[in-house]
Amino acid sequence: VVMDFLDYMRETGRSARELGEQVGVTKSYILHLKAGRRHPSAKLMSRIAEATHSMVTFSDWERRRLLNPTPWVSDED
């Protein structure tokens, strides 16, 4: 099942801290991603796809970026 990042976090009940530790970013950065205030780098997108067993894919992030192009991509990856 493919879903967007926000739905994935809601439906799986994973904490921002847990996912952040798994993909190598802070809890705060995961919360920024959830809120749409930041877009992940390609490297981080890949790690999130792996950590979510491809439930959250590159296309989800591209869709979010097209809807809200202003958030910056962090070097935090």
C-alpha atoms as a PDB file:
ATOM      1  CA  VAL A   1       0.000   0.000   0.000  1.00  0.00           C
ATOM      2  CA  VAL A   2       1.356   3.400  -0.997  1.00  0.00           C
ATOM      3  CA  MET A   3       0.323   6.416   1.072  1.00  0.00           C
ATOM      4  CA  ASP A   4       1.497   9.915   1.722  1.00  0.00           C
ATOM      5  CA  PHE A   5       3.854  10.709   4.579  1.00  0.00           C
ATOM      6  CA  LEU A   6       1.252  12.279   6.850  1.00  0.00           C
ATOM      7  CA  ASP A   7      -1.132   9.338   6.431  1.00  0.00           C
ATOM      8  CA  TYR A   8       1.728   6.914   7.015  1.00  0.00           C
ATOM      9  CA  MET A   9       2.654   8.594  10.307  1.00  0.00           C
ATOM     10  CA  ARG A  10      -0.993   8.697  11.436  1.00  0.00           C
ATOM     11  CA  GLU A  11      -1.935   5.175  10.439  1.00  0.00           C
ATOM     12  CA  THR A  12       1.175   3.394  11.660  1.00  0.00           C
ATOM     13  CA  GLY A  13       1.455   5.336  14.909  1.00  0.00           C
ATOM     14  CA  ARG A  14       5.214   5.715  14.452  1.00  0.00           C
ATOM     15  CA  SER A  15       6.678   8.523  16.446  1.00  0.00           C
ATOM     16  CA  ALA A  16       8.683  11.319  14.868  1.00  0.00           C
ATOM     17  CA  ARG A  17      11.550  10.419  17.181  1.00  0.00           C
ATOM     18  CA  GLU A  18      11.551   6.756  16.130  1.00  0.00           C
ATOM     19  CA  LEU A  19      11.432   7.489  12.399  1.00  0.00           C
ATOM     20  CA  GLY A  20      13.988  10.270  12.731  1.00  0.00           C
ATOM     21  CA  GLU A  21      16.413   7.950  14.490  1.00  0.00           C
ATOM     22  CA  GLN A  22      15.898   5.314  11.813  1.00  0.00           C
ATOM     23  CA  VAL A  23      16.547   7.684   8.889  1.00  0.00           C
ATOM     24  CA  GLY A  24      19.207   9.827  10.575  1.00  0.00           C
ATOM     25  CA  VAL A  25      17.452  13.138  11.232  1.00  0.00           C
ATOM     26  CA  THR A  26      16.032  14.816  14.301  1.00  0.00           C
ATOM     27  CA  LYS A  27      12.514  14.459  15.637  1.00  0.00           C
ATOM     28  CA  SER A  28      12.095  18.154  14.895  1.00  0.00           C
ATOM     29  CA  TYR A  29      12.945  17.678  11.228  1.00  0.00           C
ATOM     30  CA  ILE A  30      10.403  14.844  10.908  1.00  0.00           C
ATOM     31  CA  LEU A  31       7.793  17.160  12.436  1.00  0.00           C
ATOM     32  CA  HIS A  32       8.714  19.836   9.856  1.00  0.00           C
ATOM     33  CA  LEU A  33       8.213  17.250   7.105  1.00  0.00           C
ATOM     34  CA  LYS A  34       4.827  16.254   8.533  1.00  0.00           C
ATOM     35  CA  ALA A  35       3.715  19.878   8.640  1.00  0.00           C
ATOM     36  CA  GLY A  36       4.920  20.538   5.098  1.00  0.00           C
ATOM     37  CA  ARG A  37       7.402  23.178   6.236  1.00  0.00           C
ATOM     38  CA  ARG A  38      10.344  21.301   4.716  1.00  0.00           C
ATOM     39  CA  HIS A  39      11.017  19.012   1.773  1.00  0.00           C
ATOM     40  CA  PRO A  40      13.508  16.171   2.118  1.00  0.00           C
ATOM     41  CA  SER A  41      16.569  15.803  -0.061  1.00  0.00           C
ATOM     42  CA  ALA A  42      16.672  12.905  -2.535  1.00  0.00           C
ATOM     43  CA  LYS A  43      18.986  11.050  -0.160  1.00  0.00           C
ATOM     44  CA  LEU A  44      16.556  11.425   2.740  1.00  0.00           C
ATOM     45  CA  MET A  45      13.582  10.503   0.534  1.00  0.00           C
ATOM     46  CA  SER A  46      15.364   7.263  -0.267  1.00  0.00           C
ATOM     47  CA  ARG A  47      15.968   6.503   3.413  1.00  0.00           C
ATOM     48  CA  ILE A  48      12.323   7.256   4.253  1.00  0.00           C
ATOM     49  CA  ALA A  49      11.121   4.980   1.450  1.00  0.00           C
ATOM     50  CA  GLU A  50      13.333   2.213   2.837  1.00  0.00           C
ATOM     51  CA  ALA A  51      12.237   2.815   6.443  1.00  0.00           C
ATOM     52  CA  THR A  52       8.560   2.741   5.444  1.00  0.00           C
ATOM     53  CA  HIS A  53       8.978  -0.370   3.288  1.00  0.00           C
ATOM     54  CA  SER A  54       8.115   1.765   0.227  1.00  0.00           C
ATOM     55  CA  MET A  55       4.776   2.810   1.671  1.00  0.00           C
ATOM     56  CA  VAL A  56       5.941   6.433   1.272  1.00  0.00           C
ATOM     57  CA  THR A  57       7.551   6.964  -2.114  1.00  0.00           C
ATOM     58  CA  PHE A  58       9.342   9.623  -4.116  1.00  0.00           C
ATOM     59  CA  SER A  59       6.058  10.463  -5.884  1.00  0.00           C
ATOM     60  CA  ASP A  60       4.484  11.482  -2.558  1.00  0.00           C
ATOM     61  CA  TRP A  61       7.234  14.001  -1.948  1.00  0.00           C
ATOM     62  CA  GLU A  62       7.057  15.296  -5.517  1.00  0.00           C
ATOM     63  CA  ARG A  63       3.306  15.814  -5.191  1.00  0.00           C
ATOM     64  CA  ARG A  64       3.803  17.687  -1.911  1.00  0.00           C
ATOM     65  CA  ARG A  65       6.586  19.799  -3.429  1.00  0.00           C
ATOM     66  CA  LEU A  66       4.394  20.775  -6.376  1.00  0.00           C
ATOM     67  CA  LEU A  67       1.560  21.789  -4.053  1.00  0.00           C
ATOM     68  CA  ASN A  68       3.852  23.791  -1.773  1.00  0.00           C
ATOM     69  CA  PRO A  69       7.145  24.671  -3.508  1.00  0.00           C
ATOM     70  CA  THR A  70       8.490  27.157  -0.944  1.00  0.00           C
ATOM     71  CA  PRO A  71       9.888  25.020   1.893  1.00  0.00           C
ATOM     72  CA  TRP A  72      13.607  24.585   1.630  1.00  0.00           C
ATOM     73  CA  VAL A  73      15.449  21.315   1.459  1.00  0.00           C
ATOM     74  CA  SER A  74      17.551  20.822   4.533  1.00  0.00           C
ATOM     75  CA  ASP A  75      21.164  19.777   4.650  1.00  0.00           C
ATOM     76  CA  GLU A  76      20.123  17.656   7.608  1.00  0.00           C
ATOM     77  CA  ASP A  77      20.525  14.273   6.021  1.00  0.00           C
END
